[in-house]
Amino acid sequence: MSHTVGIRQAQKQKTRRALLDSALGLLEEQSLSSLGLREVTRAVGVAPTAFYRHFRDTADLGVALVEEALDSLHGLIASTLADNGDSATRIDTTVDLIADLVRTRPAHIRFIARERHGGVQPVRDAIGTQLRLFAEEVAAAFAREPQSEGWSEDDLLMLASLYVDQMVTTASVLLEAEEAGPGRAERARDTARRQMRLVSLGRRHWLD
């Protein structure tokens, strides 16, 4: 009996994975608000009723894609923030991390960039929640640093939000640049480094 349950559970997970992958592929060319569940199930080869065994609707599927795209990044961001190198080194590491994500997960990056201000409210909310969590984690890391002495919690969160917004913008720019060719991609990475260094410079003089 347990063997049969295990097989059914594995098949269920396989179908869910196929639905997510199919949706992500279809979303390369359209927004989530225009995506129909029949479109997704047809691509997977299952009946439309099978969709509801995994997701309430396409918005619920979109939220699952957001979690898949961003949840795993919290550990990476934490390890980057824990780096004891100087500001320039940390910035270089951050830009390299973003560039690597763009190369390895372009469909997820494109989805987040498009749907962050898209027409599906639950997905916008899910992205916003994840970005706020990132900002809070960055602010907490900044608070532990000597150069943050005298900073208020609000100012630290404002600074962290600037970094997070810059990281999201960098990911979108790098995605377009990678598609245009390696030369443009390297210029985009250099611009991202300089933009983050400008923010870092402002941080050093904020209390002056």
C-alpha atoms as a PDB file:
ATOM      1  CA  MET A   1       0.000   0.000   0.000  1.00  0.00           C
ATOM      2  CA  SER A   2       2.738   2.461   0.958  1.00  0.00           C
ATOM      3  CA  HIS A   3       4.532   1.605  -2.285  1.00  0.00           C
ATOM      4  CA  THR A   4       1.413   2.541  -4.278  1.00  0.00           C
ATOM      5  CA  VAL A   5       1.042   5.803  -2.343  1.00  0.00           C
ATOM      6  CA  GLY A   6       4.695   6.593  -3.019  1.00  0.00           C
ATOM      7  CA  ILE A   7       4.230   6.025  -6.756  1.00  0.00           C
ATOM      8  CA  ARG A   8       1.151   8.260  -6.823  1.00  0.00           C
ATOM      9  CA  GLN A   9       2.949  10.983  -4.896  1.00  0.00           C
ATOM     10  CA  ALA A  10       5.917  10.838  -7.257  1.00  0.00           C
ATOM     11  CA  GLN A  11       3.588  11.082 -10.256  1.00  0.00           C
ATOM     12  CA  LYS A  12       1.815  14.032  -8.667  1.00  0.00           C
ATOM     13  CA  GLN A  13       5.109  15.836  -8.119  1.00  0.00           C
ATOM     14  CA  LYS A  14       6.139  15.041 -11.691  1.00  0.00           C
ATOM     15  CA  THR A  15       2.932  16.548 -13.066  1.00  0.00           C
ATOM     16  CA  ARG A  16       3.279  19.637 -10.876  1.00  0.00           C
ATOM     17  CA  ARG A  17       6.839  20.079 -12.094  1.00  0.00           C
ATOM     18  CA  ALA A  18       5.710  19.707 -15.701  1.00  0.00           C
ATOM     19  CA  LEU A  19       2.986  22.338 -15.220  1.00  0.00           C
ATOM     20  CA  LEU A  20       5.478  24.806 -13.729  1.00  0.00           C
ATOM     21  CA  ASP A  21       8.023  24.202 -16.474  1.00  0.00           C
ATOM     22  CA  SER A  22       5.391  24.451 -19.179  1.00  0.00           C
ATOM     23  CA  ALA A  23       4.036  27.715 -17.786  1.00  0.00           C
ATOM     24  CA  LEU A  24       7.522  29.177 -17.466  1.00  0.00           C
ATOM     25  CA  GLY A  25       8.230  28.333 -21.094  1.00  0.00           C
ATOM     26  CA  LEU A  26       4.966  29.864 -22.289  1.00  0.00           C
ATOM     27  CA  LEU A  27       5.647  32.980 -20.224  1.00  0.00           C
ATOM     28  CA  GLU A  28       8.781  33.648 -22.247  1.00  0.00           C
ATOM     29  CA  GLU A  29       6.493  35.203 -24.858  1.00  0.00           C
ATOM     30  CA  GLN A  30       3.534  36.518 -22.868  1.00  0.00           C
ATOM     31  CA  SER A  31       2.431  37.864 -19.506  1.00  0.00           C
ATOM     32  CA  LEU A  32       0.791  35.777 -16.817  1.00  0.00           C
ATOM     33  CA  SER A  33      -2.472  37.732 -17.157  1.00  0.00           C
ATOM     34  CA  SER A  34      -2.847  36.431 -20.728  1.00  0.00           C
ATOM     35  CA  LEU A  35      -1.912  32.821 -19.904  1.00  0.00           C
ATOM     36  CA  GLY A  36      -4.770  30.304 -19.885  1.00  0.00           C
ATOM     37  CA  LEU A  37      -4.688  27.120 -17.847  1.00  0.00           C
ATOM     38  CA  ARG A  38      -5.848  25.116 -20.898  1.00  0.00           C
ATOM     39  CA  GLU A  39      -2.767  26.420 -22.686  1.00  0.00           C
ATOM     40  CA  VAL A  40      -0.595  25.061 -19.894  1.00  0.00           C
ATOM     41  CA  THR A  41      -2.314  21.679 -19.586  1.00  0.00           C
ATOM     42  CA  ARG A  42      -2.311  21.197 -23.352  1.00  0.00           C
ATOM     43  CA  ALA A  43       1.448  21.716 -23.416  1.00  0.00           C
ATOM     44  CA  VAL A  44       1.875  19.129 -20.640  1.00  0.00           C
ATOM     45  CA  GLY A  45      -0.603  16.681 -22.136  1.00  0.00           C
ATOM     46  CA  VAL A  46      -2.992  16.447 -19.195  1.00  0.00           C
ATOM     47  CA  ALA A  47      -6.693  17.261 -18.835  1.00  0.00           C
ATOM     48  CA  PRO A  48      -7.587  20.781 -17.605  1.00  0.00           C
ATOM     49  CA  THR A  49      -9.143  19.254 -14.490  1.00  0.00           C
ATOM     50  CA  ALA A  50      -5.677  17.937 -13.535  1.00  0.00           C
ATOM     51  CA  PHE A  51      -4.489  21.520 -13.145  1.00  0.00           C
ATOM     52  CA  TYR A  52      -6.734  22.027 -10.117  1.00  0.00           C
ATOM     53  CA  ARG A  53      -5.108  19.179  -8.244  1.00  0.00           C
ATOM     54  CA  HIS A  54      -2.007  21.365  -8.009  1.00  0.00           C
ATOM     55  CA  PHE A  55      -3.056  25.040  -8.287  1.00  0.00           C
ATOM     56  CA  ARG A  56      -6.224  27.015  -7.612  1.00  0.00           C
ATOM     57  CA  ASP A  57      -5.733  29.119 -10.734  1.00  0.00           C
ATOM     58  CA  THR A  58      -2.989  30.633 -12.888  1.00  0.00           C
ATOM     59  CA  ALA A  59      -2.336  33.288 -10.234  1.00  0.00           C
ATOM     60  CA  ASP A  60      -1.599  30.517  -7.726  1.00  0.00           C
ATOM     61  CA  LEU A  61       0.751  28.934 -10.265  1.00  0.00           C
ATOM     62  CA  GLY A  62       2.437  32.321 -10.701  1.00  0.00           C
ATOM     63  CA  VAL A  63       2.988  32.640  -6.955  1.00  0.00           C
ATOM     64  CA  ALA A  64       4.605  29.186  -6.981  1.00  0.00           C
ATOM     65  CA  LEU A  65       6.949  30.375  -9.735  1.00  0.00           C
ATOM     66  CA  VAL A  66       7.853  33.444  -7.664  1.00  0.00           C
ATOM     67  CA  GLU A  67       8.695  31.265  -4.669  1.00  0.00           C
ATOM     68  CA  GLU A  68      10.715  28.928  -6.855  1.00  0.00           C
ATOM     69  CA  ALA A  69      12.629  31.831  -8.392  1.00  0.00           C
ATOM     70  CA  LEU A  70      13.373  33.784  -5.209  1.00  0.00           C
ATOM     71  CA  ASP A  71      13.145  31.529  -2.150  1.00  0.00           C
ATOM     72  CA  SER A  72      16.463  29.828  -2.818  1.00  0.00           C
ATOM     73  CA  LEU A  73      18.265  33.162  -3.162  1.00  0.00           C
ATOM     74  CA  HIS A  74      18.040  34.038   0.531  1.00  0.00           C
ATOM     75  CA  GLY A  75      20.920  31.719   1.381  1.00  0.00           C
ATOM     76  CA  LEU A  76      23.046  33.079  -1.458  1.00  0.00           C
ATOM     77  CA  ILE A  77      22.411  36.663  -0.430  1.00  0.00           C
ATOM     78  CA  ALA A  78      23.210  35.833   3.198  1.00  0.00           C
ATOM     79  CA  SER A  79      26.554  34.262   2.246  1.00  0.00           C
ATOM     80  CA  THR A  80      27.402  37.278   0.090  1.00  0.00           C
ATOM     81  CA  LEU A  81      26.592  39.665   2.928  1.00  0.00           C
ATOM     82  CA  ALA A  82      28.677  37.595   5.326  1.00  0.00           C
ATOM     83  CA  ASP A  83      31.737  38.169   3.155  1.00  0.00           C
ATOM     84  CA  ASN A  84      34.273  40.076   5.237  1.00  0.00           C
ATOM     85  CA  GLY A  85      35.943  41.651   2.220  1.00  0.00           C
ATOM     86  CA  ASP A  86      35.864  45.367   1.476  1.00  0.00           C
ATOM     87  CA  SER A  87      32.934  47.113  -0.180  1.00  0.00           C
ATOM     88  CA  ALA A  88      34.355  46.797  -3.705  1.00  0.00           C
ATOM     89  CA  THR A  89      34.887  43.059  -3.276  1.00  0.00           C
ATOM     90  CA  ARG A  90      31.361  42.567  -1.984  1.00  0.00           C
ATOM     91  CA  ILE A  91      29.944  44.554  -4.893  1.00  0.00           C
ATOM     92  CA  ASP A  92      31.944  42.490  -7.397  1.00  0.00           C
ATOM     93  CA  THR A  93      30.680  39.293  -5.754  1.00  0.00           C
ATOM     94  CA  THR A  94      27.095  40.547  -5.864  1.00  0.00           C
ATOM     95  CA  VAL A  95      27.244  41.482  -9.548  1.00  0.00           C
ATOM     96  CA  ASP A  96      28.853  38.130 -10.371  1.00  0.00           C
ATOM     97  CA  LEU A  97      26.066  36.364  -8.465  1.00  0.00           C
ATOM     98  CA  ILE A  98      23.385  38.233 -10.411  1.00  0.00           C
ATOM     99  CA  ALA A  99      25.152  37.555 -13.718  1.00  0.00           C
ATOM    100  CA  ASP A 100      25.321  33.862 -12.895  1.00  0.00           C
ATOM    101  CA  LEU A 101      21.593  33.769 -12.121  1.00  0.00           C
ATOM    102  CA  VAL A 102      20.825  35.490 -15.407  1.00  0.00           C
ATOM    103  CA  ARG A 103      22.885  32.900 -17.291  1.00  0.00           C
ATOM    104  CA  THR A 104      21.487  29.860 -15.478  1.00  0.00           C
ATOM    105  CA  ARG A 105      17.873  30.921 -14.856  1.00  0.00           C
ATOM    106  CA  PRO A 106      16.956  33.433 -17.562  1.00  0.00           C
ATOM    107  CA  ALA A 107      13.292  32.386 -17.761  1.00  0.00           C
ATOM    108  CA  HIS A 108      12.803  32.930 -14.014  1.00  0.00           C
ATOM    109  CA  ILE A 109      14.535  36.323 -14.151  1.00  0.00           C
ATOM    110  CA  ARG A 110      12.424  37.398 -17.123  1.00  0.00           C
ATOM    111  CA  PHE A 111       9.261  36.279 -15.333  1.00  0.00           C
ATOM    112  CA  ILE A 112      10.087  38.250 -12.177  1.00  0.00           C
ATOM    113  CA  ALA A 113      11.081  41.353 -14.141  1.00  0.00           C
ATOM    114  CA  ARG A 114       7.836  41.314 -16.143  1.00  0.00           C
ATOM    115  CA  GLU A 115       5.416  40.375 -13.366  1.00  0.00           C
ATOM    116  CA  ARG A 116       6.861  42.671 -10.692  1.00  0.00           C
ATOM    117  CA  HIS A 117       4.616  45.375 -12.125  1.00  0.00           C
ATOM    118  CA  GLY A 118       2.267  43.046 -14.006  1.00  0.00           C
ATOM    119  CA  GLY A 119      -1.481  42.714 -13.913  1.00  0.00           C
ATOM    120  CA  VAL A 120      -1.830  39.773 -11.513  1.00  0.00           C
ATOM    121  CA  GLN A 121      -2.136  41.150  -7.984  1.00  0.00           C
ATOM    122  CA  PRO A 122      -1.265  37.997  -5.986  1.00  0.00           C
ATOM    123  CA  VAL A 123       1.924  37.595  -7.999  1.00  0.00           C
ATOM    124  CA  ARG A 124       2.864  41.275  -7.578  1.00  0.00           C
ATOM    125  CA  ASP A 125       2.248  40.885  -3.851  1.00  0.00           C
ATOM    126  CA  ALA A 126       4.383  37.719  -3.690  1.00  0.00           C
ATOM    127  CA  ILE A 127       7.271  39.425  -5.472  1.00  0.00           C
ATOM    128  CA  GLY A 128       6.935  42.492  -3.252  1.00  0.00           C
ATOM    129  CA  THR A 129       6.971  40.326  -0.126  1.00  0.00           C
ATOM    130  CA  GLN A 130      10.118  38.533  -1.237  1.00  0.00           C
ATOM    131  CA  LEU A 131      11.894  41.796  -2.070  1.00  0.00           C
ATOM    132  CA  ARG A 132      10.942  43.261   1.315  1.00  0.00           C
ATOM    133  CA  LEU A 133      12.375  40.174   3.002  1.00  0.00           C
ATOM    134  CA  PHE A 134      15.598  40.632   1.058  1.00  0.00           C
ATOM    135  CA  ALA A 135      15.736  44.293   2.104  1.00  0.00           C
ATOM    136  CA  GLU A 136      15.202  43.383   5.765  1.00  0.00           C
ATOM    137  CA  GLU A 137      17.961  40.759   5.584  1.00  0.00           C
ATOM    138  CA  VAL A 138      20.352  43.232   3.961  1.00  0.00           C
ATOM    139  CA  ALA A 139      19.463  45.903   6.540  1.00  0.00           C
ATOM    140  CA  ALA A 140      20.131  43.451   9.381  1.00  0.00           C
ATOM    141  CA  ALA A 141      23.521  42.611   7.875  1.00  0.00           C
ATOM    142  CA  PHE A 142      24.370  46.304   7.476  1.00  0.00           C
ATOM    143  CA  ALA A 143      23.367  46.967  11.101  1.00  0.00           C
ATOM    144  CA  ARG A 144      26.114  44.611  12.281  1.00  0.00           C
ATOM    145  CA  GLU A 145      28.820  46.599  10.496  1.00  0.00           C
ATOM    146  CA  PRO A 146      30.866  49.309  12.279  1.00  0.00           C
ATOM    147  CA  GLN A 147      30.154  51.887   9.566  1.00  0.00           C
ATOM    148  CA  SER A 148      26.449  51.735  10.422  1.00  0.00           C
ATOM    149  CA  GLU A 149      27.014  53.224  13.866  1.00  0.00           C
ATOM    150  CA  GLY A 150      24.583  56.084  14.379  1.00  0.00           C
ATOM    151  CA  TRP A 151      22.210  54.959  11.620  1.00  0.00           C
ATOM    152  CA  SER A 152      18.505  54.636  12.387  1.00  0.00           C
ATOM    153  CA  GLU A 153      16.635  51.447  11.520  1.00  0.00           C
ATOM    154  CA  ASP A 154      14.584  53.347   8.944  1.00  0.00           C
ATOM    155  CA  ASP A 155      17.684  54.669   7.202  1.00  0.00           C
ATOM    156  CA  LEU A 156      19.296  51.230   7.161  1.00  0.00           C
ATOM    157  CA  LEU A 157      16.159  49.758   5.620  1.00  0.00           C
ATOM    158  CA  MET A 158      16.078  52.586   3.068  1.00  0.00           C
ATOM    159  CA  LEU A 159      19.696  51.852   2.127  1.00  0.00           C
ATOM    160  CA  ALA A 160      19.032  48.111   1.925  1.00  0.00           C
ATOM    161  CA  SER A 161      16.010  48.718  -0.303  1.00  0.00           C
ATOM    162  CA  LEU A 162      18.210  50.768  -2.639  1.00  0.00           C
ATOM    163  CA  TYR A 163      20.619  47.838  -2.929  1.00  0.00           C
ATOM    164  CA  VAL A 164      17.814  45.347  -3.537  1.00  0.00           C
ATOM    165  CA  ASP A 165      16.158  47.570  -6.158  1.00  0.00           C
ATOM    166  CA  GLN A 166      19.526  47.973  -7.841  1.00  0.00           C
ATOM    167  CA  MET A 167      20.030  44.202  -7.876  1.00  0.00           C
ATOM    168  CA  VAL A 168      16.628  43.664  -9.519  1.00  0.00           C
ATOM    169  CA  THR A 169      17.350  46.372 -12.095  1.00  0.00           C
ATOM    170  CA  THR A 170      20.786  44.886 -12.745  1.00  0.00           C
ATOM    171  CA  ALA A 171      19.256  41.460 -13.365  1.00  0.00           C
ATOM    172  CA  SER A 172      16.852  42.913 -15.942  1.00  0.00           C
ATOM    173  CA  VAL A 173      19.586  44.885 -17.692  1.00  0.00           C
ATOM    174  CA  LEU A 174      21.966  41.928 -17.735  1.00  0.00           C
ATOM    175  CA  LEU A 175      19.248  39.700 -19.185  1.00  0.00           C
ATOM    176  CA  GLU A 176      18.845  42.020 -22.153  1.00  0.00           C
ATOM    177  CA  ALA A 177      22.602  42.490 -22.449  1.00  0.00           C
ATOM    178  CA  GLU A 178      23.329  38.740 -22.460  1.00  0.00           C
ATOM    179  CA  GLU A 179      20.937  38.327 -25.362  1.00  0.00           C
ATOM    180  CA  ALA A 180      22.670  41.154 -27.240  1.00  0.00           C
ATOM    181  CA  GLY A 181      26.168  39.661 -26.943  1.00  0.00           C
ATOM    182  CA  PRO A 182      29.147  39.257 -24.563  1.00  0.00           C
ATOM    183  CA  GLY A 183      30.549  42.743 -25.186  1.00  0.00           C
ATOM    184  CA  ARG A 184      27.368  44.460 -24.114  1.00  0.00           C
ATOM    185  CA  ALA A 185      27.009  42.102 -21.163  1.00  0.00           C
ATOM    186  CA  GLU A 186      30.438  43.055 -19.816  1.00  0.00           C
ATOM    187  CA  ARG A 187      29.630  46.755 -20.178  1.00  0.00           C
ATOM    188  CA  ALA A 188      26.382  46.193 -18.296  1.00  0.00           C
ATOM    189  CA  ARG A 189      28.226  44.421 -15.470  1.00  0.00           C
ATOM    190  CA  ASP A 190      30.728  47.277 -15.255  1.00  0.00           C
ATOM    191  CA  THR A 191      27.908  49.834 -15.100  1.00  0.00           C
ATOM    192  CA  ALA A 192      26.191  47.818 -12.350  1.00  0.00           C
ATOM    193  CA  ARG A 193      29.396  47.773 -10.291  1.00  0.00           C
ATOM    194  CA  ARG A 194      29.828  51.524 -10.614  1.00  0.00           C
ATOM    195  CA  GLN A 195      26.194  52.188  -9.696  1.00  0.00           C
ATOM    196  CA  MET A 196      26.499  50.097  -6.553  1.00  0.00           C
ATOM    197  CA  ARG A 197      29.763  51.823  -5.654  1.00  0.00           C
ATOM    198  CA  LEU A 198      27.998  55.166  -5.983  1.00  0.00           C
ATOM    199  CA  VAL A 199      25.370  53.992  -3.478  1.00  0.00           C
ATOM    200  CA  SER A 200      28.166  52.745  -1.225  1.00  0.00           C
ATOM    201  CA  LEU A 201      29.879  56.134  -1.412  1.00  0.00           C
ATOM    202  CA  GLY A 202      26.654  57.842  -0.397  1.00  0.00           C
ATOM    203  CA  ARG A 203      26.433  55.480   2.562  1.00  0.00           C
ATOM    204  CA  ARG A 204      29.834  56.558   3.865  1.00  0.00           C
ATOM    205  CA  HIS A 205      28.823  60.230   3.850  1.00  0.00           C
ATOM    206  CA  TRP A 206      25.151  59.947   4.868  1.00  0.00           C
ATOM    207  CA  LEU A 207      25.755  61.103   8.437  1.00  0.00           C
ATOM    208  CA  ASP A 208      28.079  63.979   7.505  1.00  0.00           C
END
